[in-house]
Amino acid sequence: MVAQAYSDFEQFLAHRPMDLVAIGSPSGLHAAQGIAAARHGLHVLTEKPIDISTERADALIAEAEKAGVKLGVFFQDRSKPDILRVKNALDAGVLGKPILADARVKWFRPPDYYAKSHWRGTFALDGGGALINQAVHTVDLLLWMFGDVVSVQASSKTALHSIEAEDTLVALLEFTTGALGVLQATTSAYPGYPRRLELTGSEGTLIIEQDRLLAADLRTPLHDLLRGEADRNPSADSPVVSDARGHQAVLEDFLAAIQAKHNTTLRWTRRPP
């Protein structure tokens, strides 16, 4: 089968056979394109973020519900084996009372990453910089593992790159559980370092680096947690996705949800404001 390229978006949405679209366009186009697809009766799986404003995100969610189609977001980190093991351990209460979350996305992107793009680092199409583009996966994991955030204090700046939005941000978080968190997000930390999550509770600490569980320092040890492998993508210093296993897992889950006609844990759901 030979794929056909389309220059007209409406013609593309109207062609058949097609059951779903996977959207990988600039972030500020996700909702508009997803709404158009939903109105054609197509299921929608979009790259992160769902869009760059809550209003557009809500509009896409409403349109998908109205059309009776599935809506999902590529948050592929949730499918990584060690991250899943950590999530299951947290749900089982191995950390006890949540106390502290420390998340570091100290990555580097060269000047050409922005200079050769018409949308990266712009407010109109990227919605921001290092936070909404690079660190959004880590924000998702923090919310998934530690729950909703009730207060945020943050400071950001454009420290290195010639872009509209921030390339460096530090945020202090307070979760509904009373736990506190620190998030560092940057694309200006040369040469770039693996993402790191440190989750501390009354019963110990779990440390994840490059999606592999490095340490499980618990009052009651669980030795079977430490058996994973690191993510193979060079995310710290490159946007290239060379290890697509996470994306494949999300796509397979989305296809299964369509076939089974029920929601899945990977479906994007609205959080309270």
Protein backbone atom coordinates (compact mmCIF):
# COMPACT_ATOMS: atom_id res chain seq x y z
CA MET A 1 0.00 0.00 0.00
CA VAL A 2 1.37 3.42 -1.00
CA ALA A 3 0.58 6.40 1.22
CA GLN A 4 -0.72 9.56 -0.40
CA ALA A 5 0.39 13.04 0.63
CA TYR A 6 -2.22 15.79 0.99
CA SER A 7 -1.76 19.55 0.85
CA ASP A 8 -5.41 20.24 1.69
CA PHE A 9 -6.29 19.39 5.30
CA GLU A 10 -10.03 18.97 4.69
CA GLN A 11 -9.39 16.63 1.76
CA PHE A 12 -7.10 14.60 3.97
CA LEU A 13 -9.75 14.32 6.71
CA ALA A 14 -12.39 13.31 4.17
CA HIS A 15 -10.43 10.51 2.52
CA ARG A 16 -11.21 6.93 3.42
CA PRO A 17 -10.50 4.37 4.67
CA MET A 18 -9.31 6.11 7.85
CA ASP A 19 -10.42 5.67 11.45
CA LEU A 20 -8.08 7.91 13.42
CA VAL A 21 -5.55 10.70 13.11
CA ALA A 22 -2.28 11.09 15.01
CA ILE A 23 -1.48 14.80 15.28
CA GLY A 24 2.18 15.85 15.37
CA SER A 25 1.86 19.47 14.26
CA PRO A 26 2.97 22.57 16.25
CA SER A 27 1.34 22.60 19.69
CA GLY A 28 -0.88 25.60 19.00
CA LEU A 29 -2.65 23.73 16.18
CA HIS A 30 -3.54 20.55 18.10
CA ALA A 31 -7.04 21.54 19.21
CA ALA A 32 -8.13 23.10 15.92
CA GLN A 33 -6.96 20.10 13.92
CA GLY A 34 -8.34 17.65 16.48
CA ILE A 35 -11.75 19.34 16.44
CA ALA A 36 -11.83 19.18 12.65
CA ALA A 37 -10.96 15.48 12.75
CA ALA A 38 -13.59 14.73 15.39
CA ARG A 39 -16.24 16.43 13.25
CA HIS A 40 -15.29 13.97 10.50
CA GLY A 41 -15.94 11.10 12.93
CA LEU A 42 -12.24 10.34 13.41
CA HIS A 43 -10.60 9.33 16.68
CA VAL A 44 -7.86 11.75 17.75
CA LEU A 45 -4.46 10.94 19.26
CA THR A 46 -2.41 14.10 19.60
CA GLU A 47 1.13 14.86 20.59
CA LYS A 48 1.67 16.66 23.87
CA PRO A 49 0.49 19.13 24.98
CA ILE A 50 -3.18 18.74 24.09
CA ASP A 51 -2.98 22.43 23.15
CA ILE A 52 -1.45 25.62 24.55
CA SER A 53 -4.49 26.91 26.47
CA THR A 54 -7.11 25.35 28.72
CA GLU A 55 -9.86 26.93 26.62
CA ARG A 56 -8.69 25.16 23.47
CA ALA A 57 -8.12 21.92 25.35
CA ASP A 58 -11.65 22.05 26.77
CA ALA A 59 -13.05 22.76 23.31
CA LEU A 60 -11.30 19.69 21.88
CA ILE A 61 -12.50 17.49 24.75
CA ALA A 62 -16.08 18.71 24.30
CA GLU A 63 -16.01 18.14 20.55
CA ALA A 64 -14.63 14.60 20.93
CA GLU A 65 -17.34 13.77 23.46
CA LYS A 66 -20.02 15.26 21.19
CA ALA A 67 -18.76 13.24 18.23
CA GLY A 68 -18.42 10.05 20.28
CA VAL A 69 -14.77 9.56 19.33
CA LYS A 70 -11.76 8.68 21.46
CA LEU A 71 -9.29 11.38 22.43
CA GLY A 72 -5.76 10.62 23.64
CA VAL A 73 -2.43 12.35 24.17
CA PHE A 74 1.06 10.97 23.62
CA PHE A 75 2.29 10.87 27.22
CA GLN A 76 4.43 7.84 26.41
CA ASP A 77 6.51 8.06 29.58
CA ARG A 78 3.62 6.47 31.47
CA SER A 79 4.26 3.28 29.51
CA LYS A 80 7.94 2.93 30.46
CA PRO A 81 8.44 -0.30 32.50
CA ASP A 82 10.24 1.20 35.51
CA ILE A 83 7.89 4.18 35.68
CA LEU A 84 4.93 1.80 35.67
CA ARG A 85 6.52 -0.21 38.48
CA VAL A 86 7.07 2.95 40.50
CA LYS A 87 3.47 4.06 39.90
CA ASN A 88 2.15 0.68 41.06
CA ALA A 89 4.40 0.79 44.11
CA LEU A 90 3.17 4.27 44.99
CA ASP A 91 -0.45 3.17 44.61
CA ALA A 92 0.33 0.29 46.97
CA GLY A 93 1.58 2.76 49.56
CA VAL A 94 5.25 1.77 49.68
CA LEU A 95 6.35 5.40 50.22
CA GLY A 96 3.85 6.01 52.99
CA LYS A 97 2.90 9.66 53.41
CA PRO A 98 4.14 11.72 50.42
CA ILE A 99 6.63 14.38 51.54
CA LEU A 100 8.76 15.70 48.69
CA ALA A 101 9.07 15.46 44.90
CA ASP A 102 12.17 16.74 43.13
CA ALA A 103 12.04 16.82 39.32
CA ARG A 104 14.95 17.95 37.15
CA VAL A 105 14.76 18.41 33.38
CA LYS A 106 18.17 20.01 32.81
CA TRP A 107 18.45 19.59 29.07
CA PHE A 108 20.22 21.45 26.30
CA ARG A 109 19.07 22.44 22.85
CA PRO A 110 21.49 24.12 20.39
CA PRO A 111 20.56 27.50 18.87
CA ASP A 112 19.55 25.88 15.56
CA TYR A 113 16.80 23.94 17.34
CA TYR A 114 14.92 27.23 17.66
CA ALA A 115 16.43 29.26 14.81
CA LYS A 116 15.45 26.73 12.15
CA SER A 117 11.89 26.39 13.43
CA HIS A 118 9.02 28.78 12.79
CA TRP A 119 7.16 27.73 15.95
CA ARG A 120 9.46 26.45 18.71
CA GLY A 121 9.84 28.92 21.55
CA THR A 122 6.98 31.12 20.32
CA PHE A 123 3.92 31.93 22.38
CA ALA A 124 1.56 31.65 19.40
CA LEU A 125 2.43 28.08 18.39
CA ASP A 126 4.51 26.59 21.22
CA GLY A 127 2.65 28.25 24.07
CA GLY A 128 5.90 28.79 25.93
CA GLY A 129 9.32 27.21 26.07
CA ALA A 130 11.09 24.60 28.18
CA LEU A 131 8.13 23.98 30.46
CA ILE A 132 5.28 23.29 28.02
CA ASN A 133 7.46 21.61 25.39
CA GLN A 134 10.24 19.65 27.11
CA ALA A 135 9.14 19.38 30.76
CA VAL A 136 5.45 18.74 30.12
CA HIS A 137 6.08 14.97 30.27
CA THR A 138 7.63 15.39 33.71
CA VAL A 139 4.75 17.55 34.92
CA ASP A 140 2.41 14.79 33.77
CA LEU A 141 4.37 12.19 35.75
CA LEU A 142 4.34 14.34 38.88
CA LEU A 143 0.56 14.73 38.68
CA TRP A 144 0.12 11.02 37.90
CA MET A 145 2.29 9.88 40.79
CA PHE A 146 1.81 12.52 43.48
CA GLY A 147 -1.64 13.89 42.61
CA ASP A 148 -2.99 17.32 41.80
CA VAL A 149 -1.19 20.55 42.64
CA VAL A 150 -3.02 23.18 44.69
CA SER A 151 -0.46 25.99 44.62
CA VAL A 152 2.47 27.03 42.43
CA GLN A 153 5.21 29.61 42.76
CA ALA A 154 7.58 29.95 39.85
CA SER A 155 10.30 32.06 38.33
CA SER A 156 11.35 31.87 34.70
CA LYS A 157 13.62 33.64 32.26
CA THR A 158 15.08 33.46 28.79
CA ALA A 159 18.63 32.80 29.91
CA LEU A 160 20.42 31.65 26.76
CA HIS A 161 18.34 31.32 23.61
CA SER A 162 16.95 34.00 21.31
CA ILE A 163 13.30 33.04 21.73
CA GLU A 164 10.10 34.69 22.96
CA ALA A 165 9.44 32.20 25.72
CA GLU A 166 11.40 30.91 28.70
CA ASP A 167 14.29 28.50 28.35
CA THR A 168 14.80 28.19 32.12
CA LEU A 169 12.23 27.78 34.90
CA VAL A 170 12.09 26.80 38.55
CA ALA A 171 8.78 26.08 40.28
CA LEU A 172 7.75 25.30 43.86
CA LEU A 173 4.70 23.04 44.09
CA GLU A 174 2.28 22.01 46.82
CA PHE A 175 0.23 18.87 46.22
CA THR A 176 -3.24 18.06 47.54
CA THR A 177 -1.60 15.51 49.86
CA GLY A 178 0.44 18.27 51.52
CA ALA A 179 3.65 17.12 49.84
CA LEU A 180 5.96 19.77 48.41
CA GLY A 181 7.77 19.68 45.08
CA VAL A 182 10.52 21.38 43.13
CA LEU A 183 10.59 21.40 39.34
CA GLN A 184 13.56 22.59 37.27
CA ALA A 185 13.02 22.85 33.53
CA THR A 186 15.55 24.17 31.04
CA THR A 187 16.98 23.81 27.55
CA SER A 188 20.01 25.91 28.44
CA ALA A 189 22.01 23.49 30.63
CA TYR A 190 24.98 22.50 28.43
CA PRO A 191 25.69 19.72 27.55
CA GLY A 192 22.38 18.32 28.82
CA TYR A 193 21.74 15.83 31.65
CA PRO A 194 19.36 12.88 32.08
CA ARG A 195 15.97 13.69 33.53
CA ARG A 196 15.75 12.82 37.21
CA LEU A 197 12.83 12.31 39.59
CA GLU A 198 13.27 11.86 43.33
CA LEU A 199 10.12 10.91 45.23
CA THR A 200 10.25 10.90 49.02
CA GLY A 201 7.68 9.72 51.54
CA SER A 202 7.61 8.75 55.19
CA GLU A 203 8.77 5.23 54.26
CA GLY A 204 11.66 6.07 51.96
CA THR A 205 12.76 7.47 48.61
CA LEU A 206 12.55 6.32 44.99
CA ILE A 207 14.93 7.80 42.42
CA ILE A 208 14.32 7.59 38.66
CA GLU A 209 16.90 8.74 36.12
CA GLN A 210 16.35 8.57 32.37
CA ASP A 211 13.22 6.50 33.10
CA ARG A 212 15.15 3.80 34.98
CA LEU A 213 14.71 3.26 38.72
CA LEU A 214 18.17 3.91 40.16
CA ALA A 215 17.39 3.57 43.85
CA ALA A 216 14.61 2.28 46.07
CA ASP A 217 15.68 3.24 49.57
CA LEU A 218 12.74 1.96 51.58
CA ARG A 219 12.21 0.98 55.22
CA THR A 220 10.70 -2.22 53.84
CA PRO A 221 12.85 -3.08 50.79
CA LEU A 222 11.27 -4.26 47.55
CA HIS A 223 14.18 -5.74 45.62
CA ASP A 224 12.16 -6.66 42.53
CA LEU A 225 11.70 -2.97 41.71
CA LEU A 226 15.31 -2.59 40.56
CA ARG A 227 15.33 -4.52 37.28
CA GLY A 228 14.70 -2.05 34.45
CA GLU A 229 16.69 -0.33 31.74
CA ALA A 230 17.18 3.33 30.86
CA ASP A 231 15.30 5.09 28.10
CA ARG A 232 17.36 5.02 24.90
CA ASN A 233 16.32 8.39 23.51
CA PRO A 234 19.00 11.11 23.59
CA SER A 235 16.51 13.54 25.13
CA ALA A 236 19.02 15.43 27.27
CA ASP A 237 20.72 16.98 24.24
CA SER A 238 18.58 16.09 21.23
CA PRO A 239 14.90 16.13 20.18
CA VAL A 240 15.38 12.97 18.10
CA VAL A 241 13.12 10.04 19.03
CA SER A 242 15.19 6.98 18.21
CA ASP A 243 13.52 4.67 20.74
CA ALA A 244 9.83 4.60 19.77
CA ARG A 245 8.73 1.84 22.13
CA GLY A 246 6.87 4.30 24.36
CA HIS A 247 5.00 5.85 21.44
CA GLN A 248 4.20 2.37 20.14
CA ALA A 249 2.74 1.38 23.50
CA VAL A 250 0.50 4.47 23.57
CA LEU A 251 -0.69 3.84 20.02
CA GLU A 252 -1.42 0.17 20.76
CA ASP A 253 -3.36 1.16 23.88
CA PHE A 254 -5.31 3.75 21.91
CA LEU A 255 -6.19 1.21 19.21
CA ALA A 256 -7.32 -1.24 21.87
CA ALA A 257 -9.52 1.46 23.41
CA ILE A 258 -11.17 2.13 20.06
CA GLN A 259 -11.76 -1.57 19.48
CA ALA A 260 -13.11 -2.15 22.98
CA LYS A 261 -15.15 1.09 22.96
CA HIS A 262 -14.16 2.10 26.47
CA ASN A 263 -11.87 4.74 28.00
CA THR A 264 -8.31 3.94 29.07
CA THR A 265 -5.94 5.37 31.64
CA LEU A 266 -4.04 7.07 28.84
CA ARG A 267 -6.99 9.19 27.79
CA TRP A 268 -6.54 12.85 28.63
CA THR A 269 -9.00 13.89 31.33
CA ARG A 270 -9.75 17.36 32.56
CA ARG A 271 -8.34 18.29 35.94
CA PRO A 272 -10.05 20.68 38.34
CA PRO A 273 -8.91 24.32 37.86
